[in-house]
C-alpha atoms as a PDB file:
ATOM      1  CA  MET A   1       4.778  13.808 -46.084  1.00  0.00           C
ATOM      2  CA  SER A   2       7.179  11.407 -47.811  1.00  0.00           C
ATOM      3  CA  ILE A   3       6.475  10.917 -51.515  1.00  0.00           C
ATOM      4  CA  LEU A   4       9.448   8.560 -51.947  1.00  0.00           C
ATOM      5  CA  GLU A   5      10.810   5.995 -49.486  1.00  0.00           C
ATOM      6  CA  VAL A   6      13.890   3.908 -50.166  1.00  0.00           C
ATOM      7  CA  ASN A   7      14.159   1.208 -47.513  1.00  0.00           C
ATOM      8  CA  ASP A   8      17.246  -0.979 -47.018  1.00  0.00           C
ATOM      9  CA  LEU A   9      17.765  -1.185 -50.771  1.00  0.00           C
ATOM     10  CA  LYS A  10      20.252  -3.734 -52.095  1.00  0.00           C
ATOM     11  CA  LYS A  11      21.299  -4.663 -55.607  1.00  0.00           C
ATOM     12  CA  ILE A  12      23.681  -7.471 -56.495  1.00  0.00           C
ATOM     13  CA  TYR A  13      24.753  -8.155 -60.071  1.00  0.00           C
ATOM     14  CA  THR A  14      26.305 -11.413 -61.229  1.00  0.00           C
ATOM     15  CA  THR A  15      29.007 -10.953 -63.857  1.00  0.00           C
ATOM     16  CA  ARG A  16      28.514 -12.717 -67.163  1.00  0.00           C
ATOM     17  CA  PHE A  17      31.852 -14.488 -67.034  1.00  0.00           C
ATOM     18  CA  GLY A  18      33.058 -16.188 -63.880  1.00  0.00           C
ATOM     19  CA  GLY A  19      29.823 -15.739 -61.975  1.00  0.00           C
ATOM     20  CA  GLN A  20      31.302 -13.135 -59.629  1.00  0.00           C
ATOM     21  CA  LYS A  21      28.854 -11.058 -57.621  1.00  0.00           C
ATOM     22  CA  VAL A  22      29.071  -7.276 -57.535  1.00  0.00           C
ATOM     23  CA  GLU A  23      27.184  -5.449 -54.793  1.00  0.00           C
ATOM     24  CA  ALA A  24      26.106  -2.196 -56.447  1.00  0.00           C
ATOM     25  CA  LEU A  25      23.877  -1.017 -53.579  1.00  0.00           C
ATOM     26  CA  GLN A  26      24.232  -1.898 -49.898  1.00  0.00           C
ATOM     27  CA  SER A  27      21.348  -1.152 -47.530  1.00  0.00           C
ATOM     28  CA  VAL A  28      20.478   2.273 -48.964  1.00  0.00           C
ATOM     29  CA  SER A  29      17.714   4.062 -47.053  1.00  0.00           C
ATOM     30  CA  PHE A  30      16.360   7.602 -47.327  1.00  0.00           C
ATOM     31  CA  LYS A  31      13.124   9.527 -47.787  1.00  0.00           C
ATOM     32  CA  VAL A  32      12.139  12.390 -50.047  1.00  0.00           C
ATOM     33  CA  GLU A  33       9.375  14.686 -48.863  1.00  0.00           C
ATOM     34  CA  LYS A  34       6.717  16.017 -51.201  1.00  0.00           C
ATOM     35  CA  GLY A  35       7.940  19.239 -52.812  1.00  0.00           C
ATOM     36  CA  GLU A  36      11.583  18.565 -51.902  1.00  0.00           C
ATOM     37  CA  TRP A  37      14.542  18.797 -54.294  1.00  0.00           C
ATOM     38  CA  VAL A  38      17.208  16.211 -53.482  1.00  0.00           C
ATOM     39  CA  ALA A  39      20.511  15.823 -55.328  1.00  0.00           C
ATOM     40  CA  ILE A  40      22.548  12.609 -55.305  1.00  0.00           C
ATOM     41  CA  MET A  41      26.309  12.832 -55.768  1.00  0.00           C
ATOM     42  CA  GLY A  42      29.206  10.399 -55.831  1.00  0.00           C
ATOM     43  CA  GLU A  43      32.104   9.209 -57.940  1.00  0.00           C
ATOM     44  CA  SER A  44      31.598   7.102 -61.054  1.00  0.00           C
ATOM     45  CA  GLY A  45      30.773   3.550 -59.991  1.00  0.00           C
ATOM     46  CA  SER A  46      29.439   4.642 -56.597  1.00  0.00           C
ATOM     47  CA  GLY A  47      25.930   3.343 -57.314  1.00  0.00           C
ATOM     48  CA  LYS A  48      24.141   6.549 -58.370  1.00  0.00           C
ATOM     49  CA  THR A  49      22.853   5.215 -61.680  1.00  0.00           C
ATOM     50  CA  THR A  50      21.830   1.903 -60.155  1.00  0.00           C
ATOM     51  CA  LEU A  51      19.889   3.753 -57.469  1.00  0.00           C
ATOM     52  CA  LEU A  52      18.172   5.947 -60.072  1.00  0.00           C
ATOM     53  CA  ASN A  53      17.205   2.849 -62.062  1.00  0.00           C
ATOM     54  CA  MET A  54      15.632   1.348 -58.943  1.00  0.00           C
ATOM     55  CA  VAL A  55      13.635   4.504 -58.225  1.00  0.00           C
ATOM     56  CA  ALA A  56      12.573   4.672 -61.884  1.00  0.00           C
ATOM     57  CA  ALA A  57      11.372   1.043 -61.755  1.00  0.00           C
ATOM     58  CA  LEU A  58      13.746   0.251 -64.620  1.00  0.00           C
ATOM     59  CA  ASP A  59      15.391  -2.475 -62.551  1.00  0.00           C
ATOM     60  CA  ARG A  60      14.337  -4.651 -59.622  1.00  0.00           C
ATOM     61  CA  PRO A  61      16.195  -4.629 -56.297  1.00  0.00           C
ATOM     62  CA  THR A  62      17.820  -7.731 -54.851  1.00  0.00           C
ATOM     63  CA  GLY A  63      16.524  -6.705 -51.431  1.00  0.00           C
ATOM     64  CA  GLY A  64      14.686  -3.868 -49.760  1.00  0.00           C
ATOM     65  CA  ALA A  65      11.991  -1.712 -51.353  1.00  0.00           C
ATOM     66  CA  VAL A  66      11.255   1.523 -53.184  1.00  0.00           C
ATOM     67  CA  LEU A  67       7.892   3.067 -52.327  1.00  0.00           C
ATOM     68  CA  LEU A  68       6.377   5.882 -54.379  1.00  0.00           C
ATOM     69  CA  ASP A  69       3.463   7.435 -52.523  1.00  0.00           C
ATOM     70  CA  GLY A  70       3.284   4.236 -50.466  1.00  0.00           C
ATOM     71  CA  LYS A  71       3.239   1.866 -53.468  1.00  0.00           C
ATOM     72  CA  ASN A  72       5.994  -0.764 -53.619  1.00  0.00           C
ATOM     73  CA  LEU A  73       7.423  -0.572 -57.139  1.00  0.00           C
ATOM     74  CA  ALA A  74       8.608  -4.186 -57.047  1.00  0.00           C
ATOM     75  CA  GLN A  75       5.026  -5.367 -56.622  1.00  0.00           C
ATOM     76  CA  ILE A  76       3.774  -3.709 -59.816  1.00  0.00           C
ATOM     77  CA  LYS A  77       3.155  -6.239 -62.586  1.00  0.00           C
ATOM     78  CA  GLU A  78       5.493  -6.132 -65.589  1.00  0.00           C
ATOM     79  CA  SER A  79       2.478  -5.540 -67.832  1.00  0.00           C
ATOM     80  CA  SER A  80       1.617  -2.384 -65.861  1.00  0.00           C
ATOM     81  CA  ILE A  81       5.031  -0.946 -65.050  1.00  0.00           C
ATOM     82  CA  ALA A  82       5.421   1.147 -68.235  1.00  0.00           C
ATOM     83  CA  ALA A  83       2.051   2.838 -67.672  1.00  0.00           C
ATOM     84  CA  PHE A  84       2.931   3.408 -64.006  1.00  0.00           C
ATOM     85  CA  ARG A  85       6.192   5.149 -64.957  1.00  0.00           C
ATOM     86  CA  ARG A  86       4.431   7.246 -67.583  1.00  0.00           C
ATOM     87  CA  ASP A  87       1.700   8.383 -65.177  1.00  0.00           C
ATOM     88  CA  ASN A  88       3.798   8.972 -62.057  1.00  0.00           C
ATOM     89  CA  LEU A  89       7.372   9.777 -63.092  1.00  0.00           C
ATOM     90  CA  GLY A  90       8.908  12.449 -65.299  1.00  0.00           C
ATOM     91  CA  PHE A  91      12.358  11.866 -66.800  1.00  0.00           C
ATOM     92  CA  VAL A  92      15.016  14.374 -67.873  1.00  0.00           C
ATOM     93  CA  PHE A  93      18.228  12.882 -69.283  1.00  0.00           C
ATOM     94  CA  GLN A  94      21.603  14.314 -70.230  1.00  0.00           C
ATOM     95  CA  ASP A  95      21.072  13.721 -73.962  1.00  0.00           C
ATOM     96  CA  CYS A  96      17.423  14.904 -73.972  1.00  0.00           C
ATOM     97  CA  ASN A  97      16.216  11.700 -75.714  1.00  0.00           C
ATOM     98  CA  LEU A  98      14.089  13.639 -78.197  1.00  0.00           C
ATOM     99  CA  LEU A  99      13.020  12.027 -81.472  1.00  0.00           C
ATOM    100  CA  ASP A 100      14.488  13.937 -84.435  1.00  0.00           C
ATOM    101  CA  THR A 101      11.577  12.981 -86.713  1.00  0.00           C
ATOM    102  CA  PHE A 102       9.081  14.600 -84.297  1.00  0.00           C
ATOM    103  CA  SER A 103       8.585  18.310 -83.747  1.00  0.00           C
ATOM    104  CA  LEU A 104       9.188  19.618 -80.229  1.00  0.00           C
ATOM    105  CA  ALA A 105       5.417  19.688 -79.693  1.00  0.00           C
ATOM    106  CA  ASP A 106       5.039  16.061 -80.762  1.00  0.00           C
ATOM    107  CA  ASN A 107       7.951  15.043 -78.524  1.00  0.00           C
ATOM    108  CA  ILE A 108       6.270  16.752 -75.574  1.00  0.00           C
ATOM    109  CA  TYR A 109       2.912  15.209 -76.409  1.00  0.00           C
ATOM    110  CA  LEU A 110       4.339  11.680 -76.664  1.00  0.00           C
ATOM    111  CA  PRO A 111       3.601  10.396 -73.123  1.00  0.00           C
ATOM    112  CA  LEU A 112       0.046  11.763 -73.382  1.00  0.00           C
ATOM    113  CA  VAL A 113      -0.440  10.128 -76.786  1.00  0.00           C
ATOM    114  CA  LEU A 114       0.671   6.819 -75.274  1.00  0.00           C
ATOM    115  CA  ALA A 115      -1.902   7.386 -72.517  1.00  0.00           C
ATOM    116  CA  ALA A 116      -4.582   7.947 -75.205  1.00  0.00           C
ATOM    117  CA  MET A 117      -5.404  11.432 -73.938  1.00  0.00           C
ATOM    118  CA  PRO A 118      -7.750  13.455 -76.190  1.00  0.00           C
ATOM    119  CA  TYR A 119      -5.950  16.041 -78.330  1.00  0.00           C
ATOM    120  CA  LYS A 120      -7.977  18.921 -76.924  1.00  0.00           C
ATOM    121  CA  GLU A 121      -6.761  18.154 -73.404  1.00  0.00           C
ATOM    122  CA  MET A 122      -3.164  17.701 -74.587  1.00  0.00           C
ATOM    123  CA  ALA A 123      -3.262  21.083 -76.315  1.00  0.00           C
ATOM    124  CA  ALA A 124      -4.670  22.699 -73.186  1.00  0.00           C
ATOM    125  CA  ARG A 125      -1.734  21.365 -71.187  1.00  0.00           C
ATOM    126  CA  ILE A 126       1.076  22.285 -73.566  1.00  0.00           C
ATOM    127  CA  VAL A 127       0.212  25.958 -74.061  1.00  0.00           C
ATOM    128  CA  PRO A 128       0.823  27.206 -70.485  1.00  0.00           C
ATOM    129  CA  LEU A 129       3.714  24.787 -69.994  1.00  0.00           C
ATOM    130  CA  ALA A 130       5.537  25.926 -73.144  1.00  0.00           C
ATOM    131  CA  GLU A 131       5.013  29.553 -72.173  1.00  0.00           C
ATOM    132  CA  ARG A 132       6.388  28.904 -68.714  1.00  0.00           C
ATOM    133  CA  LEU A 133       9.465  27.184 -70.142  1.00  0.00           C
ATOM    134  CA  GLY A 134      10.057  29.810 -72.823  1.00  0.00           C
ATOM    135  CA  ILE A 135       9.594  27.556 -75.858  1.00  0.00           C
ATOM    136  CA  SER A 136       6.170  28.673 -77.165  1.00  0.00           C
ATOM    137  CA  GLY A 137       7.676  29.891 -80.436  1.00  0.00           C
ATOM    138  CA  LEU A 138       9.682  26.709 -80.983  1.00  0.00           C
ATOM    139  CA  LEU A 139       7.010  24.005 -80.784  1.00  0.00           C
ATOM    140  CA  SER A 140       6.798  23.500 -84.560  1.00  0.00           C
ATOM    141  CA  LYS A 141      10.579  23.138 -84.909  1.00  0.00           C
ATOM    142  CA  TYR A 142      12.497  19.870 -84.868  1.00  0.00           C
ATOM    143  CA  PRO A 143      15.231  19.004 -82.344  1.00  0.00           C
ATOM    144  CA  TYR A 144      18.010  19.506 -84.906  1.00  0.00           C
ATOM    145  CA  GLU A 145      16.769  23.054 -85.540  1.00  0.00           C
ATOM    146  CA  VAL A 146      17.156  24.329 -81.965  1.00  0.00           C
ATOM    147  CA  SER A 147      19.975  24.743 -79.448  1.00  0.00           C
ATOM    148  CA  GLY A 148      20.958  22.252 -76.778  1.00  0.00           C
ATOM    149  CA  GLY A 149      19.397  24.374 -74.058  1.00  0.00           C
ATOM    150  CA  GLN A 150      16.139  24.661 -75.991  1.00  0.00           C
ATOM    151  CA  LYS A 151      16.060  20.895 -76.548  1.00  0.00           C
ATOM    152  CA  GLN A 152      16.536  20.335 -72.838  1.00  0.00           C
ATOM    153  CA  ARG A 153      13.666  22.717 -72.090  1.00  0.00           C
ATOM    154  CA  ALA A 154      11.488  20.629 -74.386  1.00  0.00           C
ATOM    155  CA  ALA A 155      12.626  17.529 -72.515  1.00  0.00           C
ATOM    156  CA  VAL A 156      11.616  19.190 -69.245  1.00  0.00           C
ATOM    157  CA  ALA A 157       8.222  20.024 -70.745  1.00  0.00           C
ATOM    158  CA  ARG A 158       7.777  16.376 -71.763  1.00  0.00           C
ATOM    159  CA  ALA A 159       8.633  15.326 -68.206  1.00  0.00           C
ATOM    160  CA  LEU A 160       6.153  17.767 -66.667  1.00  0.00           C
ATOM    161  CA  ILE A 161       3.197  17.462 -69.035  1.00  0.00           C
ATOM    162  CA  THR A 162       1.942  14.284 -67.346  1.00  0.00           C
ATOM    163  CA  LYS A 163       1.903  16.119 -63.989  1.00  0.00           C
ATOM    164  CA  PRO A 164       4.172  13.494 -62.380  1.00  0.00           C
ATOM    165  CA  GLN A 165       4.563  12.898 -58.663  1.00  0.00           C
ATOM    166  CA  LEU A 166       8.338  12.825 -59.037  1.00  0.00           C
ATOM    167  CA  VAL A 167      10.776  14.193 -61.635  1.00  0.00           C
ATOM    168  CA  LEU A 168      13.971  12.172 -62.051  1.00  0.00           C
ATOM    169  CA  ALA A 169      16.856  14.090 -63.623  1.00  0.00           C
ATOM    170  CA  ASP A 170      20.047  12.296 -64.670  1.00  0.00           C
ATOM    171  CA  GLU A 171      22.901  14.754 -65.326  1.00  0.00           C
ATOM    172  CA  PRO A 172      20.525  17.175 -67.095  1.00  0.00           C
ATOM    173  CA  THR A 173      23.194  19.882 -67.468  1.00  0.00           C
ATOM    174  CA  GLY A 174      25.991  17.530 -68.514  1.00  0.00           C
ATOM    175  CA  ALA A 175      25.786  18.250 -72.258  1.00  0.00           C
ATOM    176  CA  LEU A 176      25.042  21.978 -71.972  1.00  0.00           C
ATOM    177  CA  ASP A 177      27.286  25.036 -72.120  1.00  0.00           C
ATOM    178  CA  SER A 178      27.545  27.048 -68.919  1.00  0.00           C
ATOM    179  CA  ARG A 179      24.920  29.628 -69.881  1.00  0.00           C
ATOM    180  CA  SER A 180      22.354  27.004 -70.921  1.00  0.00           C
ATOM    181  CA  ALA A 181      23.119  25.006 -67.775  1.00  0.00           C
ATOM    182  CA  ASP A 182      22.514  28.064 -65.586  1.00  0.00           C
ATOM    183  CA  GLU A 183      19.218  28.751 -67.353  1.00  0.00           C
ATOM    184  CA  LEU A 184      18.100  25.139 -66.906  1.00  0.00           C
ATOM    185  CA  LEU A 185      18.995  25.102 -63.214  1.00  0.00           C
ATOM    186  CA  GLU A 186      17.075  28.322 -62.690  1.00  0.00           C
ATOM    187  CA  LEU A 187      14.157  26.674 -64.460  1.00  0.00           C
ATOM    188  CA  PHE A 188      14.366  23.676 -62.144  1.00  0.00           C
ATOM    189  CA  ARG A 189      14.403  26.059 -59.181  1.00  0.00           C
ATOM    190  CA  GLN A 190      11.184  27.659 -60.346  1.00  0.00           C
ATOM    191  CA  ILE A 191       9.587  24.277 -60.987  1.00  0.00           C
ATOM    192  CA  ASN A 192      10.548  23.084 -57.526  1.00  0.00           C
ATOM    193  CA  GLU A 193       9.236  26.259 -55.901  1.00  0.00           C
ATOM    194  CA  SER A 194       5.885  25.583 -57.578  1.00  0.00           C
ATOM    195  CA  GLY A 195       5.713  22.325 -55.590  1.00  0.00           C
ATOM    196  CA  GLN A 196       7.275  19.768 -57.938  1.00  0.00           C
ATOM    197  CA  THR A 197       9.375  17.063 -56.239  1.00  0.00           C
ATOM    198  CA  ILE A 198      12.757  16.493 -57.919  1.00  0.00           C
ATOM    199  CA  LEU A 199      15.438  13.819 -57.528  1.00  0.00           C
ATOM    200  CA  LEU A 200      18.611  14.862 -59.337  1.00  0.00           C
ATOM    201  CA  VAL A 201      21.682  12.701 -60.010  1.00  0.00           C
ATOM    202  CA  THR A 202      24.696  14.810 -60.884  1.00  0.00           C
ATOM    203  CA  HIS A 203      28.476  15.199 -60.833  1.00  0.00           C
ATOM    204  CA  SER A 204      28.083  18.970 -60.909  1.00  0.00           C
ATOM    205  CA  VAL A 205      28.565  20.801 -57.611  1.00  0.00           C
ATOM    206  CA  LYS A 206      26.852  23.798 -59.134  1.00  0.00           C
ATOM    207  CA  ALA A 207      23.753  21.769 -60.053  1.00  0.00           C
ATOM    208  CA  ALA A 208      23.653  20.166 -56.613  1.00  0.00           C
ATOM    209  CA  SER A 209      23.927  23.549 -54.907  1.00  0.00           C
ATOM    210  CA  TYR A 210      20.469  24.463 -56.232  1.00  0.00           C
ATOM    211  CA  ALA A 211      18.890  21.529 -54.360  1.00  0.00           C
ATOM    212  CA  GLY A 212      17.553  21.646 -50.823  1.00  0.00           C
ATOM    213  CA  ARG A 213      19.478  18.543 -49.776  1.00  0.00           C
ATOM    214  CA  VAL A 214      22.422  16.550 -51.120  1.00  0.00           C
ATOM    215  CA  LEU A 215      23.004  12.835 -50.512  1.00  0.00           C
ATOM    216  CA  PHE A 216      26.542  11.520 -51.025  1.00  0.00           C
ATOM    217  CA  ILE A 217      26.976   7.912 -52.154  1.00  0.00           C
ATOM    218  CA  LYS A 218      30.153   5.881 -51.917  1.00  0.00           C
ATOM    219  CA  ASP A 219      30.608   2.156 -52.602  1.00  0.00           C
ATOM    220  CA  GLY A 220      26.874   1.616 -52.843  1.00  0.00           C
ATOM    221  CA  ARG A 221      26.026   3.290 -49.523  1.00  0.00           C
ATOM    222  CA  VAL A 222      24.716   6.693 -48.493  1.00  0.00           C
ATOM    223  CA  PHE A 223      27.562   8.041 -46.355  1.00  0.00           C
ATOM    224  CA  HIS A 224      26.638  11.633 -45.767  1.00  0.00           C
ATOM    225  CA  GLN A 225      24.076  14.324 -46.459  1.00  0.00           C
ATOM    226  CA  LEU A 226      23.856  18.090 -46.328  1.00  0.00           C
ATOM    227  CA  TYR A 227      20.835  20.359 -45.988  1.00  0.00           C
ATOM    228  CA  ARG A 228      20.853  23.792 -47.572  1.00  0.00           C
ATOM    229  CA  ALA A 229      18.431  25.117 -44.929  1.00  0.00           C
ATOM    230  CA  GLY A 230      18.247  28.660 -46.215  1.00  0.00           C
ATOM    231  CA  GLN A 231      21.979  29.097 -46.837  1.00  0.00           C
ATOM    232  CA  PRO A 232      23.031  31.259 -49.781  1.00  0.00           C
ATOM    233  CA  ARG A 233      23.712  29.009 -52.748  1.00  0.00           C
ATOM    234  CA  GLN A 234      27.395  29.967 -52.893  1.00  0.00           C
ATOM    235  CA  GLN A 235      27.859  28.951 -49.256  1.00  0.00           C
ATOM    236  CA  PHE A 236      26.090  25.647 -49.886  1.00  0.00           C
ATOM    237  CA  TYR A 237      28.301  25.165 -52.966  1.00  0.00           C
ATOM    238  CA  GLN A 238      31.383  25.467 -50.763  1.00  0.00           C
ATOM    239  CA  LYS A 239      30.066  22.939 -48.242  1.00  0.00           C
ATOM    240  CA  ILE A 240      29.282  20.446 -51.010  1.00  0.00           C
ATOM    241  CA  THR A 241      32.796  20.883 -52.398  1.00  0.00           C
ATOM    242  CA  GLU A 242      34.316  20.251 -48.970  1.00  0.00           C
ATOM    243  CA  ALA A 243      32.175  17.148 -48.441  1.00  0.00           C
ATOM    244  CA  LEU A 244      33.186  15.756 -51.845  1.00  0.00           C
ATOM    245  CA  THR A 245      36.851  16.351 -51.024  1.00  0.00           C
ATOM    246  CA  LEU A 246      36.493  14.330 -47.833  1.00  0.00           C
ATOM    247  CA  LEU A 247      34.447  11.661 -49.581  1.00  0.00           C
ATOM    248  CA  THR A 248      37.092  11.087 -52.236  1.00  0.00           C
ATOM    249  CA  SER A 249      40.059  11.236 -49.853  1.00  0.00           C
ATOM    250  CA  ASP A 250      41.731   8.078 -48.566  1.00  0.00           C
ATOM    251  CA  GLY A 251      40.071   8.375 -45.183  1.00  0.00           C
ATOM    252  CA  GLY A 252      36.720   9.501 -46.545  1.00  0.00           C
ATOM    253  CA  LEU A 253      33.728  10.563 -44.512  1.00  0.00           C
ATOM    254  CA  ALA A 254      32.777   8.362 -41.619  1.00  0.00           C
ATOM    255  CA  GLU A 255      29.765   6.223 -42.443  1.00  0.00           C
ATOM    256  CA  THR A 256      28.249   7.044 -39.038  1.00  0.00           C
ATOM    257  CA  GLU A 257      27.877  10.671 -40.082  1.00  0.00           C
ATOM    258  CA  TYR A 258      24.738   9.669 -41.996  1.00  0.00           C
ATOM    259  CA  ASP A 259      21.786   8.346 -40.033  1.00  0.00           C
ATOM    260  CA  ALA A 260      19.007   7.204 -42.378  1.00  0.00           C
ATOM    261  CA  GLY A 261      16.617   6.611 -39.536  1.00  0.00           C
ATOM    262  CA  LYS A 262      16.900  10.176 -38.270  1.00  0.00           C
ATOM    263  CA  GLY A 263      17.234  11.610 -41.748  1.00  0.00           C
ATOM    264  CA  GLY A 264      20.055  13.892 -40.726  1.00  0.00           C
ATOM    265  CA  VAL A 265      23.715  14.297 -40.047  1.00  0.00           C
ATOM    266  CA  ALA A 266      24.910  12.966 -36.710  1.00  0.00           C
END
C-alpha cells in the first residue's frame, strides 16, 4: 500500500532579476510503500531539497501532485497546512533545530503542546520513546548540555512523538561524528523495522546503504533507482557508489533505466 505518491511533479522558479525561469523539478514520479525506507541522492542543485519541500508541503508544485495517504497536499488550505504537517509528518534536520531555552523534554513535547494534547497523555508518550532512544536520563538537560548525537536523538523523538505517517530526514547525519552517525543510522534501522515509513535525503553513501531503496536525482529528474532486496549492507554500499560514479560522469546514467510507472529498473 502506497503511503506517498509523487505524480509528474514539476517546479519552476522565476529568478528575482531578469525574470529567468529555472526548472528545479521535471516530471518526477515515484511511490513509497507503507513501512518502506527510501533514500534520495544526487549532487548539489539536483533538486533533492526542492523535492523534500514539496513532500513536506513547505512549497507548492508548479505542476503534478504529492499525495500523502491519498490526500493531495496542494489542496489543503493554507490555514490548515501547519496542523496537517504536525499531525502527519515528522521532521529530522541536519542541525537538529532544537530550542536552546527548552529542555530536551520540552523540545520533544513541542508538537504535542501545539496540538493542545493533555499533559498526562504527552507524558505517557515520552517515557517509552525516550527509553527506546536512549535519552531517558537526559530529558531535563538543555541542548547545549548534551552531545550532537544526543541532540539528534532528541530530534528523532520529537519527530516520532506525534506518531507520524511519514518521517522526513534531511541529512540527519551531516553534522555528526562517525560514531554518532553510525548510532543514529542504527536507530533509524530499528525505527523502520518497527513499521515507520522514512524518506531520507542524503549525500552520504553510508546513510543511503541502510535504506531499502535509493532514488538518484539529476537535473530535476529521477534517473535511476536501486533496491537493497536483502543484500548485505556493504554490498549495497558498493552498488550505490558505482551508481553515483556513473551519475556524475559525463555520460551519466541513461534516463530510460528508471521507469516510474513500473517502479523498477529497466
